[in-house]
Amino acid sequence: MRLFSAKTYYDGLNQWEDEVQSYLVRPKISGRPPVPPEVTKKYADDYKESCLVIADSPKASAALSRRCLQHLLRGEAKVKHQDLYNEIQEVIDRATLPSHIADSLDAVRRIGNFAAHPTKNLSTGEIVPVEPREAEWNLDVLESLFDFYFVAPAKTKARKDALNKKLKDAGKPPVK
């Protein structure tokens, strides 16, 4: 998409001139996979925004993904409203998530602290930055949680519904 703008200026001889400039404008896109349709809008919006800003600011992406994670844990895991650190610990302690997700959640909790709370390196005294790969990991964990809470249950339900229809047509009792 091209965007044109005109500037009017005085050329010094009491005459006005128009100068036209053009700019190439591209929409901002994410290199991440799209949010599965099973994921509700309230989580999908924060996730998408986090994906869009990661190239410009891994710290902003990590903060947005942390926000998304907190909403997800409160809405789907039904954790008690606390700080995110303790909410993650509550989910980990329940031992209801697959171990690879629980292990990654613990890492996300620590990465999120760099984004939300300035932390200094003890040797250099500099603020510890959020690296792009760490922000990507946050998004990977959210995708795993989306699969756990939304996608996998929807697939199981669809399969079960198809089987129950087949069983019903054969005069058999449904699977519960």
C-alpha atoms as a PDB file:
ATOM      1  CA  MET A   1       0.000   0.000   0.000  1.00  0.00           C
ATOM      2  CA  ARG A   2       1.394   3.384  -0.908  1.00  0.00           C
ATOM      3  CA  LEU A   3       0.693   6.464   1.128  1.00  0.00           C
ATOM      4  CA  PHE A   4       1.158   9.859  -0.499  1.00  0.00           C
ATOM      5  CA  SER A   5       1.608  13.157   1.251  1.00  0.00           C
ATOM      6  CA  ALA A   6       2.002  16.655  -0.130  1.00  0.00           C
ATOM      7  CA  LYS A   7       4.075  19.354   1.469  1.00  0.00           C
ATOM      8  CA  THR A   8       3.649  22.986   0.518  1.00  0.00           C
ATOM      9  CA  TYR A   9       6.639  25.260   0.905  1.00  0.00           C
ATOM     10  CA  TYR A  10       7.805  28.731  -0.057  1.00  0.00           C
ATOM     11  CA  ASP A  11      10.650  28.693  -2.570  1.00  0.00           C
ATOM     12  CA  GLY A  12      11.980  32.141  -1.714  1.00  0.00           C
ATOM     13  CA  LEU A  13      10.587  33.896  -4.781  1.00  0.00           C
ATOM     14  CA  ASN A  14       7.106  34.441  -3.445  1.00  0.00           C
ATOM     15  CA  GLN A  15       5.901  31.279  -5.113  1.00  0.00           C
ATOM     16  CA  TRP A  16       4.386  28.218  -3.508  1.00  0.00           C
ATOM     17  CA  GLU A  17       5.453  24.745  -4.612  1.00  0.00           C
ATOM     18  CA  ASP A  18       4.007  21.330  -3.852  1.00  0.00           C
ATOM     19  CA  GLU A  19       6.287  18.425  -3.195  1.00  0.00           C
ATOM     20  CA  VAL A  20       4.770  14.957  -3.241  1.00  0.00           C
ATOM     21  CA  GLN A  21       6.380  12.133  -1.304  1.00  0.00           C
ATOM     22  CA  SER A  22       5.362   8.514  -1.213  1.00  0.00           C
ATOM     23  CA  TYR A  23       5.883   5.962   1.531  1.00  0.00           C
ATOM     24  CA  LEU A  24       5.530   2.223   1.387  1.00  0.00           C
ATOM     25  CA  VAL A  25       3.347   1.070   4.271  1.00  0.00           C
ATOM     26  CA  ARG A  26       2.929  -2.562   5.202  1.00  0.00           C
ATOM     27  CA  PRO A  27       0.567  -3.965   7.804  1.00  0.00           C
ATOM     28  CA  LYS A  28       2.206  -5.366  10.893  1.00  0.00           C
ATOM     29  CA  ILE A  29       1.972  -9.139  10.997  1.00  0.00           C
ATOM     30  CA  SER A  30       3.166 -11.844  13.320  1.00  0.00           C
ATOM     31  CA  GLY A  31       5.282 -14.837  12.440  1.00  0.00           C
ATOM     32  CA  ARG A  32       3.403 -16.906  15.005  1.00  0.00           C
ATOM     33  CA  PRO A  33       0.650 -19.362  14.113  1.00  0.00           C
ATOM     34  CA  PRO A  34      -2.893 -17.985  14.321  1.00  0.00           C
ATOM     35  CA  VAL A  35      -4.854 -18.447  17.509  1.00  0.00           C
ATOM     36  CA  PRO A  36      -6.953 -21.617  17.282  1.00  0.00           C
ATOM     37  CA  PRO A  37     -10.645 -20.826  16.767  1.00  0.00           C
ATOM     38  CA  GLU A  38     -11.524 -22.661  19.993  1.00  0.00           C
ATOM     39  CA  VAL A  39      -9.720 -20.007  22.063  1.00  0.00           C
ATOM     40  CA  THR A  40     -12.061 -17.330  23.365  1.00  0.00           C
ATOM     41  CA  LYS A  41     -11.598 -13.711  22.274  1.00  0.00           C
ATOM     42  CA  LYS A  42     -10.679 -12.474  25.747  1.00  0.00           C
ATOM     43  CA  TYR A  43      -7.459 -14.539  25.629  1.00  0.00           C
ATOM     44  CA  ALA A  44      -6.865 -14.386  21.883  1.00  0.00           C
ATOM     45  CA  ASP A  45      -6.676 -10.576  21.794  1.00  0.00           C
ATOM     46  CA  ASP A  46      -3.871 -10.321  24.383  1.00  0.00           C
ATOM     47  CA  TYR A  47      -2.017 -13.189  22.717  1.00  0.00           C
ATOM     48  CA  LYS A  48      -2.238 -11.582  19.266  1.00  0.00           C
ATOM     49  CA  GLU A  49      -1.037  -8.229  20.600  1.00  0.00           C
ATOM     50  CA  SER A  50       1.880  -9.918  22.341  1.00  0.00           C
ATOM     51  CA  CYS A  51       2.801 -11.608  19.047  1.00  0.00           C
ATOM     52  CA  LEU A  52       2.649  -8.330  17.131  1.00  0.00           C
ATOM     53  CA  VAL A  53       5.028  -6.411  19.403  1.00  0.00           C
ATOM     54  CA  ILE A  54       7.663  -9.093  19.960  1.00  0.00           C
ATOM     55  CA  ALA A  55       9.963  -7.859  17.163  1.00  0.00           C
ATOM     56  CA  ASP A  56       9.790  -4.269  18.431  1.00  0.00           C
ATOM     57  CA  SER A  57       9.909  -4.978  22.158  1.00  0.00           C
ATOM     58  CA  PRO A  58      10.426  -8.429  23.679  1.00  0.00           C
ATOM     59  CA  LYS A  59       9.845  -6.800  27.084  1.00  0.00           C
ATOM     60  CA  ALA A  60       6.415  -5.513  26.025  1.00  0.00           C
ATOM     61  CA  SER A  61       5.575  -8.880  24.486  1.00  0.00           C
ATOM     62  CA  ALA A  62       6.563 -10.671  27.699  1.00  0.00           C
ATOM     63  CA  ALA A  63       4.448  -8.281  29.761  1.00  0.00           C
ATOM     64  CA  LEU A  64       1.418  -8.809  27.490  1.00  0.00           C
ATOM     65  CA  SER A  65       1.836 -12.566  27.458  1.00  0.00           C
ATOM     66  CA  ARG A  66       2.133 -12.472  31.252  1.00  0.00           C
ATOM     67  CA  ARG A  67      -1.175 -10.595  31.384  1.00  0.00           C
ATOM     68  CA  CYS A  68      -2.756 -13.156  29.058  1.00  0.00           C
ATOM     69  CA  LEU A  69      -1.407 -15.990  31.200  1.00  0.00           C
ATOM     70  CA  GLN A  70      -2.843 -14.476  34.368  1.00  0.00           C
ATOM     71  CA  HIS A  71      -6.296 -14.104  32.781  1.00  0.00           C
ATOM     72  CA  LEU A  72      -6.097 -17.654  31.462  1.00  0.00           C
ATOM     73  CA  LEU A  73      -5.148 -19.131  34.835  1.00  0.00           C
ATOM     74  CA  ARG A  74      -7.874 -17.198  36.606  1.00  0.00           C
ATOM     75  CA  GLY A  75     -10.526 -18.011  34.017  1.00  0.00           C
ATOM     76  CA  GLU A  76      -9.709 -21.610  33.119  1.00  0.00           C
ATOM     77  CA  ALA A  77      -7.645 -23.009  35.998  1.00  0.00           C
ATOM     78  CA  LYS A  78      -9.773 -21.115  38.522  1.00  0.00           C
ATOM     79  CA  VAL A  79      -6.794 -20.064  40.644  1.00  0.00           C
ATOM     80  CA  LYS A  80      -7.296 -17.755  43.613  1.00  0.00           C
ATOM     81  CA  HIS A  81      -6.659 -14.116  42.704  1.00  0.00           C
ATOM     82  CA  GLN A  82      -3.140 -13.397  43.923  1.00  0.00           C
ATOM     83  CA  ASP A  83       0.002 -12.259  42.191  1.00  0.00           C
ATOM     84  CA  LEU A  84       0.965 -14.234  39.087  1.00  0.00           C
ATOM     85  CA  TYR A  85       3.935 -15.849  40.809  1.00  0.00           C
ATOM     86  CA  ASN A  86       1.670 -17.541  43.376  1.00  0.00           C
ATOM     87  CA  GLU A  87      -1.059 -18.279  40.823  1.00  0.00           C
ATOM     88  CA  ILE A  88       1.457 -20.213  38.728  1.00  0.00           C
ATOM     89  CA  GLN A  89       2.677 -22.042  41.833  1.00  0.00           C
ATOM     90  CA  GLU A  90      -0.919 -22.998  42.662  1.00  0.00           C
ATOM     91  CA  VAL A  91      -1.399 -24.525  39.200  1.00  0.00           C
ATOM     92  CA  ILE A  92       1.956 -26.328  39.375  1.00  0.00           C
ATOM     93  CA  ASP A  93       1.136 -27.709  42.848  1.00  0.00           C
ATOM     94  CA  ARG A  94      -2.169 -29.145  41.602  1.00  0.00           C
ATOM     95  CA  ALA A  95      -0.224 -31.410  39.224  1.00  0.00           C
ATOM     96  CA  THR A  96      -3.047 -31.312  36.660  1.00  0.00           C
ATOM     97  CA  LEU A  97      -0.940 -30.031  33.763  1.00  0.00           C
ATOM     98  CA  PRO A  98       1.401 -32.200  31.710  1.00  0.00           C
ATOM     99  CA  SER A  99       4.916 -31.933  33.170  1.00  0.00           C
ATOM    100  CA  HIS A 100       6.356 -30.148  30.122  1.00  0.00           C
ATOM    101  CA  ILE A 101       3.789 -27.350  30.506  1.00  0.00           C
ATOM    102  CA  ALA A 102       4.285 -27.122  34.275  1.00  0.00           C
ATOM    103  CA  ASP A 103       8.077 -26.902  33.852  1.00  0.00           C
ATOM    104  CA  SER A 104       7.720 -24.181  31.229  1.00  0.00           C
ATOM    105  CA  LEU A 105       5.257 -22.261  33.413  1.00  0.00           C
ATOM    106  CA  ASP A 106       7.888 -22.060  36.111  1.00  0.00           C
ATOM    107  CA  ALA A 107      10.315 -20.566  33.580  1.00  0.00           C
ATOM    108  CA  VAL A 108       7.664 -18.126  32.329  1.00  0.00           C
ATOM    109  CA  ARG A 109       7.130 -16.958  35.879  1.00  0.00           C
ATOM    110  CA  ARG A 110      10.797 -15.997  36.109  1.00  0.00           C
ATOM    111  CA  ILE A 111      10.949 -14.405  32.628  1.00  0.00           C
ATOM    112  CA  GLY A 112       7.825 -12.403  33.441  1.00  0.00           C
ATOM    113  CA  ASN A 113       9.507 -10.907  36.451  1.00  0.00           C
ATOM    114  CA  PHE A 114      12.196  -9.389  34.181  1.00  0.00           C
ATOM    115  CA  ALA A 115       9.448  -7.788  32.075  1.00  0.00           C
ATOM    116  CA  ALA A 116       7.269  -6.549  34.911  1.00  0.00           C
ATOM    117  CA  HIS A 117       9.832  -5.754  37.600  1.00  0.00           C
ATOM    118  CA  PRO A 118      13.241  -4.269  36.784  1.00  0.00           C
ATOM    119  CA  THR A 119      15.876  -6.725  38.005  1.00  0.00           C
ATOM    120  CA  LYS A 120      19.557  -5.851  38.160  1.00  0.00           C
ATOM    121  CA  ASN A 121      22.427  -8.139  37.230  1.00  0.00           C
ATOM    122  CA  LEU A 122      24.442  -8.627  40.422  1.00  0.00           C
ATOM    123  CA  SER A 123      27.810  -8.450  38.612  1.00  0.00           C
ATOM    124  CA  THR A 124      27.211  -5.540  36.235  1.00  0.00           C
ATOM    125  CA  GLY A 125      24.404  -3.640  37.964  1.00  0.00           C
ATOM    126  CA  GLU A 126      22.536  -3.363  34.643  1.00  0.00           C
ATOM    127  CA  ILE A 127      18.822  -4.086  34.291  1.00  0.00           C
ATOM    128  CA  VAL A 128      18.351  -7.644  33.030  1.00  0.00           C
ATOM    129  CA  PRO A 129      16.603  -7.459  29.631  1.00  0.00           C
ATOM    130  CA  VAL A 130      13.996  -9.848  28.280  1.00  0.00           C
ATOM    131  CA  GLU A 131      15.567 -11.623  25.318  1.00  0.00           C
ATOM    132  CA  PRO A 132      13.486 -12.331  22.181  1.00  0.00           C
ATOM    133  CA  ARG A 133      13.796 -16.113  22.677  1.00  0.00           C
ATOM    134  CA  GLU A 134      12.428 -15.741  26.223  1.00  0.00           C
ATOM    135  CA  ALA A 135       9.440 -13.758  24.983  1.00  0.00           C
ATOM    136  CA  GLU A 136       8.915 -16.468  22.332  1.00  0.00           C
ATOM    137  CA  TRP A 137       8.953 -19.095  25.073  1.00  0.00           C
ATOM    138  CA  ASN A 138       6.163 -17.237  26.864  1.00  0.00           C
ATOM    139  CA  LEU A 139       4.093 -17.421  23.680  1.00  0.00           C
ATOM    140  CA  ASP A 140       4.921 -21.120  23.259  1.00  0.00           C
ATOM    141  CA  VAL A 141       3.629 -21.782  26.772  1.00  0.00           C
ATOM    142  CA  LEU A 142       0.423 -19.886  26.054  1.00  0.00           C
ATOM    143  CA  GLU A 143      -0.073 -21.983  22.909  1.00  0.00           C
ATOM    144  CA  SER A 144       0.418 -25.155  24.984  1.00  0.00           C
ATOM    145  CA  LEU A 145      -2.142 -23.927  27.497  1.00  0.00           C
ATOM    146  CA  PHE A 146      -4.573 -23.026  24.709  1.00  0.00           C
ATOM    147  CA  ASP A 147      -4.216 -26.578  23.440  1.00  0.00           C
ATOM    148  CA  PHE A 148      -4.688 -28.011  26.938  1.00  0.00           C
ATOM    149  CA  TYR A 149      -7.715 -25.909  27.909  1.00  0.00           C
ATOM    150  CA  PHE A 150      -9.450 -25.407  24.555  1.00  0.00           C
ATOM    151  CA  VAL A 151      -8.205 -27.321  21.505  1.00  0.00           C
ATOM    152  CA  ALA A 152      -7.713 -30.841  22.908  1.00  0.00           C
ATOM    153  CA  PRO A 153     -11.055 -30.870  24.778  1.00  0.00           C
ATOM    154  CA  ALA A 154     -12.863 -29.614  21.639  1.00  0.00           C
ATOM    155  CA  LYS A 155     -11.259 -32.360  19.530  1.00  0.00           C
ATOM    156  CA  THR A 156     -12.164 -34.998  22.113  1.00  0.00           C
ATOM    157  CA  LYS A 157     -15.750 -33.743  22.249  1.00  0.00           C
ATOM    158  CA  ALA A 158     -16.067 -33.809  18.448  1.00  0.00           C
ATOM    159  CA  ARG A 159     -14.716 -37.361  18.312  1.00  0.00           C
ATOM    160  CA  LYS A 160     -16.967 -38.465  21.145  1.00  0.00           C
ATOM    161  CA  ASP A 161     -20.020 -36.878  19.507  1.00  0.00           C
ATOM    162  CA  ALA A 162     -19.258 -38.698  16.251  1.00  0.00           C
ATOM    163  CA  LEU A 163     -18.813 -42.002  18.085  1.00  0.00           C
ATOM    164  CA  ASN A 164     -22.006 -41.512  20.087  1.00  0.00           C
ATOM    165  CA  LYS A 165     -23.953 -40.839  16.893  1.00  0.00           C
ATOM    166  CA  LYS A 166     -22.588 -44.043  15.424  1.00  0.00           C
ATOM    167  CA  LEU A 167     -23.410 -45.961  18.620  1.00  0.00           C
ATOM    168  CA  LYS A 168     -26.914 -44.511  18.691  1.00  0.00           C
ATOM    169  CA  ASP A 169     -27.487 -45.515  15.052  1.00  0.00           C
ATOM    170  CA  ALA A 170     -26.342 -49.046  15.974  1.00  0.00           C
ATOM    171  CA  GLY A 171     -28.688 -49.149  18.985  1.00  0.00           C
ATOM    172  CA  LYS A 172     -25.799 -49.096  21.516  1.00  0.00           C
ATOM    173  CA  PRO A 173     -25.441 -46.973  24.659  1.00  0.00           C
ATOM    174  CA  PRO A 174     -23.388 -43.769  24.330  1.00  0.00           C
ATOM    175  CA  VAL A 175     -19.908 -43.202  25.682  1.00  0.00           C
ATOM    176  CA  LYS A 176     -20.029 -40.830  28.650  1.00  0.00           C
END
